[in-house]
Amino acid sequence: RIWGIKGGYKGVTKPNDWVRLTPEAVESIHTQGGTILVSDRGNPPAHEMAAVLKAQGVRQYFVLGGDGTHRGAMESFTACLDLDYECAVIGVPKTIDNDVPLLDQTFGFDTACTEAERSVDSAYVEATCNANCIGLVKLMGRHCGFIAMNATLAARHVDVCLIPEMDIDLDKLLAHITQLMRTQGHAVIVVAEGCGDTLIKGSGDTDAGGNKILADVGVWLKGAIQDHFKKEKLPLTIKYIDP
């Protein structure tokens, strides 16, 4: 028997809500986006999850997710050992950020890049169809710039790509953007959300999953560019896209 646990780790402790996965139940799953099991953040104590796995007789426990999810999987495995219960825990690397070490590519990354490129293409259309216009796109990438970088390479008409792995000098960046606008009259800029912890800093708070809540670098960068162009007395329109 195969069961699907709804609601991430929170659902582990609610076996009455588990969903039986039969061939009939999943035969058209490939036509649907997202997950039929519903994602959620936050982890119950690992020993509580292990106790439920033992009580339900679960022997193979498949966990799909990113680095945080895999940390939880390891905690669950350790808790099962503490109960002297044999349960194989299998981690499946599924994260659009592609930030799981030792792996070339995670599930979801290719789709994310495809969708991100569409946003970049839209920004290019906006930038070239309006006078003195910048198309600014903020893309996913909490601590890495893989999506932003790959979408930029795929689109081929991005003028500036900012990722958290870079050391960015704001004054030089603004000067370069100014030069782009003076010479070609438009520009496309891509910024990864992870720059909300490098270019600027957030409050330091964390979400239910233990991830640091980042400052909104897209809105901040838009304001910084507008302020700079106002100071230089140059005309400017910014079309901001946050897919």
Protein backbone atom coordinates (compact mmCIF):
# COMPACT_ATOMS: atom_id res chain seq x y z
CA ARG A 1 0.00 0.00 0.00
CA ILE A 2 1.16 3.52 -0.83
CA TRP A 3 -0.06 6.51 1.16
CA GLY A 4 0.35 10.22 0.41
CA ILE A 5 0.82 12.50 3.42
CA LYS A 6 -1.01 15.80 3.00
CA GLY A 7 0.41 19.09 4.28
CA GLY A 8 4.10 18.31 4.50
CA TYR A 9 5.57 17.25 7.84
CA LYS A 10 2.54 18.59 9.68
CA GLY A 11 0.48 15.88 8.01
CA VAL A 12 2.71 13.07 9.27
CA THR A 13 1.07 13.25 12.69
CA LYS A 14 -2.43 13.14 11.14
CA PRO A 15 -2.65 9.64 9.65
CA ASN A 16 -6.44 9.88 9.31
CA ASP A 17 -5.84 12.52 6.61
CA TRP A 18 -3.39 10.40 4.61
CA VAL A 19 -4.48 9.67 1.02
CA ARG A 20 -4.32 6.22 -0.53
CA LEU A 21 -2.37 6.48 -3.78
CA THR A 22 -3.66 3.94 -6.27
CA PRO A 23 -3.02 3.75 -10.02
CA GLU A 24 -6.51 5.17 -10.57
CA ALA A 25 -5.88 8.08 -8.20
CA VAL A 26 -2.72 9.24 -9.96
CA GLU A 27 -3.36 8.28 -13.60
CA SER A 28 -3.83 11.92 -14.69
CA ILE A 29 -1.47 13.53 -12.20
CA HIS A 30 0.99 14.47 -14.96
CA THR A 31 -1.55 16.97 -16.34
CA GLN A 32 -1.77 18.91 -13.08
CA GLY A 33 0.55 21.58 -11.74
CA GLY A 34 1.85 21.73 -8.19
CA THR A 35 1.18 18.89 -5.79
CA ILE A 36 -2.03 17.02 -4.94
CA LEU A 37 -0.64 16.48 -1.43
CA VAL A 38 -0.51 20.20 -0.54
CA SER A 39 2.74 21.83 0.60
CA ASP A 40 3.14 23.47 4.00
CA ARG A 41 5.90 24.80 6.23
CA GLY A 42 6.79 23.87 9.78
CA ASN A 43 7.84 20.62 11.41
CA PRO A 44 6.30 18.82 14.38
CA PRO A 45 8.88 17.30 16.77
CA ALA A 46 10.75 14.50 15.01
CA HIS A 47 10.02 11.98 17.77
CA GLU A 48 6.27 12.53 17.28
CA MET A 49 6.55 11.86 13.55
CA ALA A 50 8.67 8.78 14.17
CA ALA A 51 6.11 7.44 16.65
CA VAL A 52 3.33 7.78 14.06
CA LEU A 53 5.43 6.11 11.35
CA LYS A 54 6.02 3.22 13.72
CA ALA A 55 2.37 2.99 14.75
CA GLN A 56 1.26 2.95 11.11
CA GLY A 57 3.84 0.36 10.14
CA VAL A 58 5.56 2.59 7.58
CA ARG A 59 8.75 0.92 6.37
CA GLN A 60 9.66 3.17 3.44
CA TYR A 61 9.27 6.92 3.89
CA PHE A 62 9.81 9.08 0.77
CA VAL A 63 10.39 12.80 1.35
CA LEU A 64 10.31 15.28 -1.56
CA GLY A 65 11.76 18.74 -1.12
CA GLY A 66 14.76 21.01 -0.75
CA ASP A 67 17.54 21.41 1.78
CA GLY A 68 15.22 22.20 4.71
CA THR A 69 12.98 19.26 3.89
CA HIS A 70 15.98 16.95 3.79
CA ARG A 71 17.14 18.18 7.18
CA GLY A 72 13.71 17.17 8.47
CA ALA A 73 14.07 13.78 6.78
CA MET A 74 17.35 13.18 8.58
CA GLU A 75 15.79 14.17 11.89
CA SER A 76 12.93 11.73 11.26
CA PHE A 77 15.38 8.95 10.46
CA THR A 78 17.38 9.60 13.62
CA ALA A 79 14.19 9.63 15.69
CA CYS A 80 13.19 6.25 14.22
CA LEU A 81 16.58 4.86 15.25
CA ASP A 82 16.00 6.17 18.77
CA LEU A 83 12.75 4.15 18.84
CA ASP A 84 14.63 1.10 17.54
CA TYR A 85 12.27 1.11 14.54
CA GLU A 86 13.54 0.17 11.10
CA CYS A 87 12.24 2.63 8.51
CA ALA A 88 14.09 3.53 5.32
CA VAL A 89 13.98 7.28 4.66
CA ILE A 90 14.50 8.27 1.01
CA GLY A 91 15.14 11.89 0.09
CA VAL A 92 14.00 13.07 -3.35
CA PRO A 93 15.61 16.42 -4.32
CA LYS A 94 12.75 18.62 -5.50
CA THR A 95 13.33 22.35 -5.33
CA ILE A 96 13.16 25.02 -8.00
CA ASP A 97 16.20 26.78 -6.51
CA ASN A 98 18.54 23.91 -7.47
CA ASP A 99 20.43 24.46 -4.23
CA VAL A 100 20.87 20.90 -2.93
CA PRO A 101 24.62 20.18 -2.71
CA LEU A 102 26.19 17.34 -4.75
CA LEU A 103 23.35 17.37 -7.32
CA ASP A 104 23.61 18.77 -10.83
CA GLN A 105 19.89 19.51 -11.09
CA THR A 106 16.86 19.11 -8.85
CA PHE A 107 13.28 18.31 -9.87
CA GLY A 108 11.38 21.51 -10.65
CA PHE A 109 14.38 23.60 -11.67
CA ASP A 110 13.90 23.19 -15.42
CA THR A 111 10.23 24.16 -15.21
CA ALA A 112 11.09 27.18 -13.05
CA CYS A 113 13.63 28.40 -15.59
CA THR A 114 11.14 27.99 -18.43
CA GLU A 115 8.53 30.08 -16.61
CA ALA A 116 11.14 32.63 -15.52
CA GLU A 117 12.23 33.14 -19.11
CA ARG A 118 8.66 34.08 -20.03
CA SER A 119 8.74 36.82 -17.42
CA VAL A 120 12.05 38.07 -18.79
CA ASP A 121 10.62 38.08 -22.31
CA SER A 122 7.65 40.11 -21.07
CA ALA A 123 10.02 42.61 -19.46
CA TYR A 124 11.89 42.94 -22.77
CA VAL A 125 8.65 43.67 -24.63
CA GLU A 126 7.71 46.31 -22.07
CA ALA A 127 11.16 47.89 -22.13
CA THR A 128 11.37 48.13 -25.92
CA CYS A 129 7.77 49.27 -26.46
CA ASN A 130 7.91 52.20 -24.05
CA ALA A 131 10.14 55.25 -24.17
CA ASN A 132 13.02 55.36 -21.68
CA CYS A 133 11.87 52.13 -20.10
CA ILE A 134 13.49 49.51 -17.87
CA GLY A 135 11.99 46.06 -17.53
CA LEU A 136 12.87 44.90 -14.02
CA VAL A 137 12.25 41.26 -13.06
CA LYS A 138 12.69 39.70 -9.63
CA LEU A 139 13.09 35.92 -9.78
CA MET A 140 13.18 33.17 -7.20
CA GLY A 141 16.47 32.10 -5.67
CA ARG A 142 16.66 32.44 -1.90
CA HIS A 143 20.39 31.90 -1.52
CA CYS A 144 21.51 31.17 -5.06
CA GLY A 145 21.13 32.68 -8.50
CA PHE A 146 20.66 29.58 -10.63
CA ILE A 147 17.17 30.49 -11.88
CA ALA A 148 18.10 34.10 -12.59
CA MET A 149 21.32 33.10 -14.35
CA ASN A 150 19.80 30.35 -16.49
CA ALA A 151 16.74 32.42 -17.43
CA THR A 152 19.08 35.25 -18.41
CA LEU A 153 21.17 32.98 -20.64
CA ALA A 154 18.05 31.49 -22.22
CA ALA A 155 16.38 34.85 -22.91
CA ARG A 156 19.53 36.43 -24.44
CA HIS A 157 18.31 40.01 -24.09
CA VAL A 158 19.06 40.77 -20.44
CA ASP A 159 21.41 43.69 -19.83
CA VAL A 160 22.02 43.19 -16.10
CA CYS A 161 21.68 40.03 -14.01
CA LEU A 162 22.17 40.29 -10.24
CA ILE A 163 22.59 37.17 -8.10
CA PRO A 164 23.45 36.74 -4.41
CA GLU A 165 26.79 35.10 -5.19
CA MET A 166 28.03 38.47 -6.54
CA ASP A 167 29.63 41.38 -4.69
CA ILE A 168 27.61 44.30 -6.07
CA ASP A 169 28.68 47.93 -5.95
CA LEU A 170 25.45 49.93 -6.07
CA ASP A 171 27.07 53.11 -7.38
CA LYS A 172 28.74 51.25 -10.27
CA LEU A 173 25.49 49.41 -10.96
CA LEU A 174 23.48 52.63 -11.18
CA ALA A 175 26.14 54.23 -13.38
CA HIS A 176 26.03 51.26 -15.74
CA ILE A 177 22.22 51.37 -15.93
CA THR A 178 22.40 55.09 -16.68
CA GLN A 179 24.86 54.44 -19.50
CA LEU A 180 22.61 51.73 -20.92
CA MET A 181 19.63 54.07 -20.98
CA ARG A 182 21.60 56.87 -22.59
CA THR A 183 22.99 54.63 -25.33
CA GLN A 184 20.15 52.25 -26.17
CA GLY A 185 17.09 53.83 -24.55
CA HIS A 186 15.92 50.69 -22.75
CA ALA A 187 17.22 47.94 -20.49
CA VAL A 188 16.22 44.62 -18.96
CA ILE A 189 17.38 43.86 -15.43
CA VAL A 190 17.00 40.55 -13.61
CA VAL A 191 17.56 40.30 -9.86
CA ALA A 192 17.39 37.14 -7.75
CA GLU A 193 15.39 37.39 -4.52
CA GLY A 194 18.47 36.27 -2.59
CA CYS A 195 19.96 39.71 -3.16
CA GLY A 196 17.51 40.73 -0.43
CA ASP A 197 20.17 39.40 1.94
CA THR A 198 23.22 40.88 0.19
CA LEU A 199 22.38 44.22 -1.43
CA ILE A 200 20.11 44.96 1.53
CA LYS A 201 19.27 43.21 4.78
CA GLY A 202 15.96 42.02 6.17
CA SER A 203 14.72 41.98 9.75
CA GLY A 204 16.39 38.67 10.54
CA ASP A 205 13.05 37.00 11.31
CA THR A 206 12.33 33.47 10.08
CA ASP A 207 9.24 31.79 8.66
CA ALA A 208 7.54 28.62 9.90
CA GLY A 209 10.05 26.51 8.03
CA GLY A 210 13.02 28.19 9.71
CA ASN A 211 14.04 30.14 6.60
CA LYS A 212 15.21 33.70 6.95
CA ILE A 213 12.63 36.22 5.73
CA LEU A 214 14.38 38.29 3.08
CA ALA A 215 13.90 41.96 2.34
CA ASP A 216 12.08 42.66 -0.93
CA VAL A 217 15.04 43.52 -3.13
CA GLY A 218 12.89 44.04 -6.25
CA VAL A 219 10.87 46.90 -4.80
CA TRP A 220 13.99 48.33 -3.16
CA LEU A 221 16.03 48.24 -6.39
CA LYS A 222 13.18 49.82 -8.34
CA GLY A 223 13.13 52.70 -5.86
CA ALA A 224 16.92 53.09 -5.91
CA ILE A 225 16.96 53.32 -9.72
CA GLN A 226 14.09 55.81 -9.76
CA ASP A 227 15.78 58.00 -7.15
CA HIS A 228 19.04 57.95 -9.09
CA PHE A 229 17.41 58.95 -12.38
CA LYS A 230 15.44 61.68 -10.66
CA LYS A 231 18.69 63.02 -9.24
CA GLU A 232 20.26 62.92 -12.70
CA LYS A 233 17.12 64.55 -14.16
CA LEU A 234 16.70 61.78 -16.71
CA PRO A 235 13.32 60.47 -17.94
CA LEU A 236 12.50 56.96 -16.83
CA THR A 237 9.72 54.40 -16.72
CA ILE A 238 10.10 51.08 -14.90
CA LYS A 239 7.90 48.09 -15.60
CA TYR A 240 8.33 45.80 -12.59
CA ILE A 241 7.53 42.08 -12.84
CA ASP A 242 7.47 39.77 -9.83
CA PRO A 243 6.14 36.42 -11.11
